[in-house]
């Protein structure tokens, strides 16, 4: 048997060096595209919170109506607990719009229309109300920091929306009494000013008025 002539092999490789180099460049380029664009790693960030559990009866219907005004994603029928209400609010268009603007997601997701950006955010976000009443927010993104920021952003947006809607009975009462207290405080300050003017004009002190 004849052995391999290394010189002949070397001559053949030298003759085909251009073809070999082209093949190598194309292979490296395709590999880069696959790794950095198609197979770019996704990171998942999670945020967990415990929703209020004192929402019952007629309040639940009120929450459902408020949720409908937010343009929530999914049906409102069959709501059984406050966890489902909060999950619906998290998936609402109002919350999505807030996050899209805050994190400039149209630029991040390279979308032209706001509705397309909201759909992209919805695909990367997940809300689960567990049997332990805890609600888990999961967000996927190519940037781990941005994934964490958006997950926390959902909590911030929910907190703002919660204060805006007064979702629980206690929150509604607290909001009402807070407004009443502010009115009485303003009225008291006005009365003090008027009393001071009277004293300056007459030089008299009225015990009943001071009281």
C-alpha atoms as a PDB file:
ATOM      1  CA  UNK A   1       0.000   0.000   0.000  1.00  0.00           C
ATOM      2  CA  UNK A   2       1.235   3.436  -0.871  1.00  0.00           C
ATOM      3  CA  UNK A   3       1.393   6.013   1.967  1.00  0.00           C
ATOM      4  CA  UNK A   4      -0.009   9.552   1.926  1.00  0.00           C
ATOM      5  CA  UNK A   5       2.183  12.058   0.150  1.00  0.00           C
ATOM      6  CA  UNK A   6       2.115  15.047   2.524  1.00  0.00           C
ATOM      7  CA  UNK A   7       3.799  17.265  -0.046  1.00  0.00           C
ATOM      8  CA  UNK A   8       1.043  16.610  -2.575  1.00  0.00           C
ATOM      9  CA  UNK A   9      -1.593  17.310   0.063  1.00  0.00           C
ATOM     10  CA  UNK A  10       0.105  20.574   0.995  1.00  0.00           C
ATOM     11  CA  UNK A  11       0.251  21.637  -2.667  1.00  0.00           C
ATOM     12  CA  UNK A  12      -3.478  20.898  -3.080  1.00  0.00           C
ATOM     13  CA  UNK A  13      -4.322  22.907   0.051  1.00  0.00           C
ATOM     14  CA  UNK A  14      -2.256  25.837  -1.163  1.00  0.00           C
ATOM     15  CA  UNK A  15      -3.999  25.798  -4.535  1.00  0.00           C
ATOM     16  CA  UNK A  16      -7.412  25.816  -2.853  1.00  0.00           C
ATOM     17  CA  UNK A  17      -6.551  28.288  -0.102  1.00  0.00           C
ATOM     18  CA  UNK A  18      -8.973  30.922  -1.399  1.00  0.00           C
ATOM     19  CA  UNK A  19     -11.863  28.481  -1.399  1.00  0.00           C
ATOM     20  CA  UNK A  20     -10.924  27.296   2.083  1.00  0.00           C
ATOM     21  CA  UNK A  21     -10.716  30.882   3.400  1.00  0.00           C
ATOM     22  CA  UNK A  22     -14.089  31.770   1.886  1.00  0.00           C
ATOM     23  CA  UNK A  23     -15.654  28.698   3.476  1.00  0.00           C
ATOM     24  CA  UNK A  24     -14.147  29.593   6.859  1.00  0.00           C
ATOM     25  CA  UNK A  25     -15.368  33.211   6.697  1.00  0.00           C
ATOM     26  CA  UNK A  26     -18.892  32.160   5.715  1.00  0.00           C
ATOM     27  CA  UNK A  27     -18.979  29.543   8.493  1.00  0.00           C
ATOM     28  CA  UNK A  28     -17.807  32.039  11.146  1.00  0.00           C
ATOM     29  CA  UNK A  29     -20.332  34.647   9.971  1.00  0.00           C
ATOM     30  CA  UNK A  30     -23.245  32.197  10.046  1.00  0.00           C
ATOM     31  CA  UNK A  31     -22.204  30.967  13.472  1.00  0.00           C
ATOM     32  CA  UNK A  32     -22.116  34.540  14.776  1.00  0.00           C
ATOM     33  CA  UNK A  33     -25.588  35.258  13.403  1.00  0.00           C
ATOM     34  CA  UNK A  34     -27.020  32.100  14.968  1.00  0.00           C
ATOM     35  CA  UNK A  35     -25.378  32.674  18.366  1.00  0.00           C
ATOM     36  CA  UNK A  36     -25.995  36.406  18.762  1.00  0.00           C
ATOM     37  CA  UNK A  37     -29.345  36.804  17.017  1.00  0.00           C
ATOM     38  CA  UNK A  38     -31.223  33.530  16.851  1.00  0.00           C
ATOM     39  CA  UNK A  39     -29.843  31.795  19.956  1.00  0.00           C
ATOM     40  CA  UNK A  40     -29.384  34.914  22.079  1.00  0.00           C
ATOM     41  CA  UNK A  41     -29.970  33.867  25.699  1.00  0.00           C
ATOM     42  CA  UNK A  42     -33.143  34.928  27.515  1.00  0.00           C
ATOM     43  CA  UNK A  43     -33.137  35.767  31.221  1.00  0.00           C
ATOM     44  CA  UNK A  44     -36.148  35.492  33.514  1.00  0.00           C
ATOM     45  CA  UNK A  45     -36.726  37.809  36.470  1.00  0.00           C
ATOM     46  CA  UNK A  46     -39.430  37.210  39.085  1.00  0.00           C
ATOM     47  CA  UNK A  47     -41.204  39.444  41.578  1.00  0.00           C
ATOM     48  CA  UNK A  48     -43.601  38.061  44.186  1.00  0.00           C
ATOM     49  CA  UNK A  49     -46.178  39.903  46.314  1.00  0.00           C
ATOM     50  CA  UNK A  50     -49.121  39.134  48.578  1.00  0.00           C
ATOM     51  CA  UNK A  51     -52.369  40.900  47.553  1.00  0.00           C
ATOM     52  CA  UNK A  52     -54.927  42.092  50.147  1.00  0.00           C
ATOM     53  CA  UNK A  53     -57.412  39.387  51.077  1.00  0.00           C
ATOM     54  CA  UNK A  54     -60.217  41.499  52.546  1.00  0.00           C
ATOM     55  CA  UNK A  55     -62.104  42.073  49.301  1.00  0.00           C
ATOM     56  CA  UNK A  56     -65.476  40.331  49.377  1.00  0.00           C
ATOM     57  CA  UNK A  57     -69.059  40.578  48.199  1.00  0.00           C
ATOM     58  CA  UNK A  58     -70.114  43.765  46.471  1.00  0.00           C
ATOM     59  CA  UNK A  59     -66.548  45.075  46.523  1.00  0.00           C
ATOM     60  CA  UNK A  60     -65.537  42.299  44.147  1.00  0.00           C
ATOM     61  CA  UNK A  61     -68.125  43.443  41.616  1.00  0.00           C
ATOM     62  CA  UNK A  62     -66.874  47.004  42.004  1.00  0.00           C
ATOM     63  CA  UNK A  63     -63.303  45.857  41.389  1.00  0.00           C
ATOM     64  CA  UNK A  64     -64.415  43.972  38.297  1.00  0.00           C
ATOM     65  CA  UNK A  65     -66.017  47.117  36.901  1.00  0.00           C
ATOM     66  CA  UNK A  66     -62.875  49.123  37.654  1.00  0.00           C
ATOM     67  CA  UNK A  67     -60.805  46.431  35.986  1.00  0.00           C
ATOM     68  CA  UNK A  68     -62.969  46.680  32.893  1.00  0.00           C
ATOM     69  CA  UNK A  69     -62.309  50.412  32.667  1.00  0.00           C
ATOM     70  CA  UNK A  70     -58.590  49.661  32.598  1.00  0.00           C
ATOM     71  CA  UNK A  71     -58.889  47.581  29.432  1.00  0.00           C
ATOM     72  CA  UNK A  72     -57.766  44.392  31.158  1.00  0.00           C
ATOM     73  CA  UNK A  73     -56.583  41.437  29.133  1.00  0.00           C
ATOM     74  CA  UNK A  74     -58.899  38.442  29.480  1.00  0.00           C
ATOM     75  CA  UNK A  75     -62.464  37.925  30.634  1.00  0.00           C
ATOM     76  CA  UNK A  76     -63.746  39.480  33.846  1.00  0.00           C
ATOM     77  CA  UNK A  77     -66.345  36.849  34.525  1.00  0.00           C
ATOM     78  CA  UNK A  78     -65.858  34.237  37.199  1.00  0.00           C
ATOM     79  CA  UNK A  79     -63.545  36.258  39.429  1.00  0.00           C
ATOM     80  CA  UNK A  80     -63.270  34.349  42.695  1.00  0.00           C
ATOM     81  CA  UNK A  81     -60.672  36.216  44.733  1.00  0.00           C
ATOM     82  CA  UNK A  82     -58.607  39.377  44.867  1.00  0.00           C
ATOM     83  CA  UNK A  83     -55.621  37.511  43.399  1.00  0.00           C
ATOM     84  CA  UNK A  84     -57.429  37.084  40.083  1.00  0.00           C
ATOM     85  CA  UNK A  85     -58.345  40.770  40.123  1.00  0.00           C
ATOM     86  CA  UNK A  86     -54.723  41.802  40.585  1.00  0.00           C
ATOM     87  CA  UNK A  87     -53.603  39.409  37.854  1.00  0.00           C
ATOM     88  CA  UNK A  88     -56.131  41.046  35.531  1.00  0.00           C
ATOM     89  CA  UNK A  89     -54.882  44.519  36.422  1.00  0.00           C
ATOM     90  CA  UNK A  90     -51.272  43.485  35.848  1.00  0.00           C
ATOM     91  CA  UNK A  91     -52.250  42.343  32.366  1.00  0.00           C
ATOM     92  CA  UNK A  92     -54.218  45.494  31.605  1.00  0.00           C
ATOM     93  CA  UNK A  93     -53.402  47.884  28.821  1.00  0.00           C
ATOM     94  CA  UNK A  94     -53.012  50.727  31.309  1.00  0.00           C
ATOM     95  CA  UNK A  95     -50.132  48.967  33.066  1.00  0.00           C
ATOM     96  CA  UNK A  96     -48.581  47.947  29.745  1.00  0.00           C
ATOM     97  CA  UNK A  97     -48.652  51.533  28.441  1.00  0.00           C
ATOM     98  CA  UNK A  98     -46.968  52.738  31.615  1.00  0.00           C
ATOM     99  CA  UNK A  99     -44.121  50.231  31.274  1.00  0.00           C
ATOM    100  CA  UNK A 100     -43.696  50.804  27.534  1.00  0.00           C
ATOM    101  CA  UNK A 101     -43.147  54.513  28.136  1.00  0.00           C
ATOM    102  CA  UNK A 102     -41.026  54.079  31.255  1.00  0.00           C
ATOM    103  CA  UNK A 103     -38.547  51.641  29.685  1.00  0.00           C
ATOM    104  CA  UNK A 104     -38.818  52.882  26.075  1.00  0.00           C
ATOM    105  CA  UNK A 105     -39.800  49.375  24.961  1.00  0.00           C
ATOM    106  CA  UNK A 106     -40.714  50.407  21.432  1.00  0.00           C
ATOM    107  CA  UNK A 107     -37.028  51.039  20.852  1.00  0.00           C
ATOM    108  CA  UNK A 108     -35.990  47.902  22.748  1.00  0.00           C
ATOM    109  CA  UNK A 109     -38.390  45.600  20.867  1.00  0.00           C
ATOM    110  CA  UNK A 110     -37.911  47.494  17.577  1.00  0.00           C
ATOM    111  CA  UNK A 111     -41.651  47.937  17.014  1.00  0.00           C
ATOM    112  CA  UNK A 112     -43.367  50.817  15.220  1.00  0.00           C
ATOM    113  CA  UNK A 113     -46.851  50.626  16.709  1.00  0.00           C
ATOM    114  CA  UNK A 114     -47.706  50.839  20.384  1.00  0.00           C
ATOM    115  CA  UNK A 115     -50.074  47.870  20.073  1.00  0.00           C
ATOM    116  CA  UNK A 116     -47.246  45.680  18.727  1.00  0.00           C
ATOM    117  CA  UNK A 117     -45.039  46.721  21.644  1.00  0.00           C
ATOM    118  CA  UNK A 118     -47.783  45.818  24.109  1.00  0.00           C
ATOM    119  CA  UNK A 119     -48.148  42.385  22.480  1.00  0.00           C
ATOM    120  CA  UNK A 120     -44.380  41.817  22.688  1.00  0.00           C
ATOM    121  CA  UNK A 121     -44.417  42.772  26.375  1.00  0.00           C
ATOM    122  CA  UNK A 122     -47.373  40.454  26.965  1.00  0.00           C
ATOM    123  CA  UNK A 123     -45.518  37.527  25.361  1.00  0.00           C
ATOM    124  CA  UNK A 124     -42.557  38.104  27.663  1.00  0.00           C
ATOM    125  CA  UNK A 125     -44.612  38.598  30.834  1.00  0.00           C
ATOM    126  CA  UNK A 126     -46.456  36.050  32.935  1.00  0.00           C
ATOM    127  CA  UNK A 127     -48.636  36.468  36.045  1.00  0.00           C
ATOM    128  CA  UNK A 128     -49.568  33.521  38.242  1.00  0.00           C
ATOM    129  CA  UNK A 129     -51.838  33.562  41.279  1.00  0.00           C
ATOM    130  CA  UNK A 130     -50.791  30.556  43.389  1.00  0.00           C
ATOM    131  CA  UNK A 131     -52.793  28.516  45.854  1.00  0.00           C
ATOM    132  CA  UNK A 132     -50.770  30.146  48.626  1.00  0.00           C
ATOM    133  CA  UNK A 133     -52.383  33.486  47.541  1.00  0.00           C
ATOM    134  CA  UNK A 134     -48.995  34.802  46.411  1.00  0.00           C
ATOM    135  CA  UNK A 135     -48.838  36.373  42.949  1.00  0.00           C
ATOM    136  CA  UNK A 136     -45.693  35.813  40.892  1.00  0.00           C
ATOM    137  CA  UNK A 137     -44.651  38.194  38.122  1.00  0.00           C
ATOM    138  CA  UNK A 138     -42.209  36.697  35.576  1.00  0.00           C
ATOM    139  CA  UNK A 139     -40.527  38.763  32.857  1.00  0.00           C
ATOM    140  CA  UNK A 140     -38.191  37.490  30.115  1.00  0.00           C
ATOM    141  CA  UNK A 141     -35.607  39.646  28.390  1.00  0.00           C
ATOM    142  CA  UNK A 142     -32.213  39.371  26.704  1.00  0.00           C
ATOM    143  CA  UNK A 143     -30.865  41.819  29.297  1.00  0.00           C
ATOM    144  CA  UNK A 144     -31.052  40.406  32.858  1.00  0.00           C
ATOM    145  CA  UNK A 145     -31.065  43.879  34.432  1.00  0.00           C
ATOM    146  CA  UNK A 146     -33.885  45.082  32.208  1.00  0.00           C
ATOM    147  CA  UNK A 147     -35.872  41.937  33.001  1.00  0.00           C
ATOM    148  CA  UNK A 148     -35.530  42.683  36.723  1.00  0.00           C
ATOM    149  CA  UNK A 149     -36.368  46.365  36.228  1.00  0.00           C
ATOM    150  CA  UNK A 150     -39.542  45.548  34.281  1.00  0.00           C
ATOM    151  CA  UNK A 151     -40.640  42.990  36.895  1.00  0.00           C
ATOM    152  CA  UNK A 152     -40.212  45.596  39.612  1.00  0.00           C
ATOM    153  CA  UNK A 153     -41.837  48.132  37.301  1.00  0.00           C
ATOM    154  CA  UNK A 154     -44.997  46.017  37.321  1.00  0.00           C
ATOM    155  CA  UNK A 155     -45.073  46.309  41.114  1.00  0.00           C
ATOM    156  CA  UNK A 156     -44.579  50.081  40.965  1.00  0.00           C
ATOM    157  CA  UNK A 157     -47.324  50.485  38.366  1.00  0.00           C
ATOM    158  CA  UNK A 158     -49.655  48.243  40.366  1.00  0.00           C
ATOM    159  CA  UNK A 159     -48.974  50.268  43.510  1.00  0.00           C
ATOM    160  CA  UNK A 160     -49.833  53.505  41.698  1.00  0.00           C
ATOM    161  CA  UNK A 161     -52.965  51.982  40.184  1.00  0.00           C
ATOM    162  CA  UNK A 162     -53.989  50.535  43.533  1.00  0.00           C
ATOM    163  CA  UNK A 163     -53.800  53.953  45.139  1.00  0.00           C
ATOM    164  CA  UNK A 164     -55.723  55.456  42.246  1.00  0.00           C
ATOM    165  CA  UNK A 165     -58.595  52.990  42.415  1.00  0.00           C
ATOM    166  CA  UNK A 166     -58.662  52.300  46.174  1.00  0.00           C
ATOM    167  CA  UNK A 167     -59.029  48.571  45.535  1.00  0.00           C
ATOM    168  CA  UNK A 168     -59.918  47.456  49.068  1.00  0.00           C
ATOM    169  CA  UNK A 169     -62.667  48.567  51.453  1.00  0.00           C
ATOM    170  CA  UNK A 170     -60.135  49.875  53.938  1.00  0.00           C
ATOM    171  CA  UNK A 171     -58.380  51.838  51.192  1.00  0.00           C
ATOM    172  CA  UNK A 172     -61.684  53.416  50.156  1.00  0.00           C
ATOM    173  CA  UNK A 173     -62.440  54.421  53.751  1.00  0.00           C
ATOM    174  CA  UNK A 174     -58.910  55.715  54.268  1.00  0.00           C
ATOM    175  CA  UNK A 175     -59.189  57.800  51.100  1.00  0.00           C
ATOM    176  CA  UNK A 176     -62.568  59.229  52.182  1.00  0.00           C
ATOM    177  CA  UNK A 177     -61.479  60.122  55.719  1.00  0.00           C
ATOM    178  CA  UNK A 178     -58.224  61.538  54.400  1.00  0.00           C
ATOM    179  CA  UNK A 179     -60.149  63.900  52.139  1.00  0.00           C
ATOM    180  CA  UNK A 180     -62.470  64.885  54.990  1.00  0.00           C
ATOM    181  CA  UNK A 181     -59.515  65.531  57.280  1.00  0.00           C
ATOM    182  CA  UNK A 182     -57.869  67.721  54.663  1.00  0.00           C
ATOM    183  CA  UNK A 183     -61.058  69.774  54.295  1.00  0.00           C
ATOM    184  CA  UNK A 184     -61.418  70.253  58.048  1.00  0.00           C
ATOM    185  CA  UNK A 185     -57.751  71.188  58.313  1.00  0.00           C
ATOM    186  CA  UNK A 186     -58.181  73.860  55.664  1.00  0.00           C
ATOM    187  CA  UNK A 187     -61.338  75.140  57.342  1.00  0.00           C
ATOM    188  CA  UNK A 188     -59.543  75.362  60.697  1.00  0.00           C
ATOM    189  CA  UNK A 189     -56.674  77.312  59.149  1.00  0.00           C
ATOM    190  CA  UNK A 190     -59.169  79.742  57.576  1.00  0.00           C
ATOM    191  CA  UNK A 191     -60.910  80.180  60.934  1.00  0.00           C
ATOM    192  CA  UNK A 192     -57.599  80.921  62.656  1.00  0.00           C
ATOM    193  CA  UNK A 193     -56.822  83.583  60.057  1.00  0.00           C
ATOM    194  CA  UNK A 194     -60.229  85.220  60.496  1.00  0.00           C
ATOM    195  CA  UNK A 195     -59.887  85.174  64.283  1.00  0.00           C
ATOM    196  CA  UNK A 196     -56.467  86.804  64.087  1.00  0.00           C
ATOM    197  CA  UNK A 197     -57.870  89.545  61.833  1.00  0.00           C
ATOM    198  CA  UNK A 198     -60.698  90.186  64.313  1.00  0.00           C
ATOM    199  CA  UNK A 199     -58.254  90.471  67.205  1.00  0.00           C
ATOM    200  CA  UNK A 200     -56.027  92.873  65.272  1.00  0.00           C
ATOM    201  CA  UNK A 201     -58.978  95.064  64.259  1.00  0.00           C
ATOM    202  CA  UNK A 202     -60.805  95.161  67.638  1.00  0.00           C
ATOM    203  CA  UNK A 203     -58.058  94.410  70.104  1.00  0.00           C
ATOM    204  CA  UNK A 204     -60.423  92.007  71.845  1.00  0.00           C
ATOM    205  CA  UNK A 205     -59.907  88.372  72.755  1.00  0.00           C
ATOM    206  CA  UNK A 206     -63.031  86.239  72.659  1.00  0.00           C
ATOM    207  CA  UNK A 207     -62.679  83.178  74.916  1.00  0.00           C
ATOM    208  CA  UNK A 208     -65.383  81.217  73.077  1.00  0.00           C
ATOM    209  CA  UNK A 209     -63.796  81.991  69.733  1.00  0.00           C
ATOM    210  CA  UNK A 210     -60.351  80.998  70.988  1.00  0.00           C
ATOM    211  CA  UNK A 211     -61.774  77.726  72.204  1.00  0.00           C
END
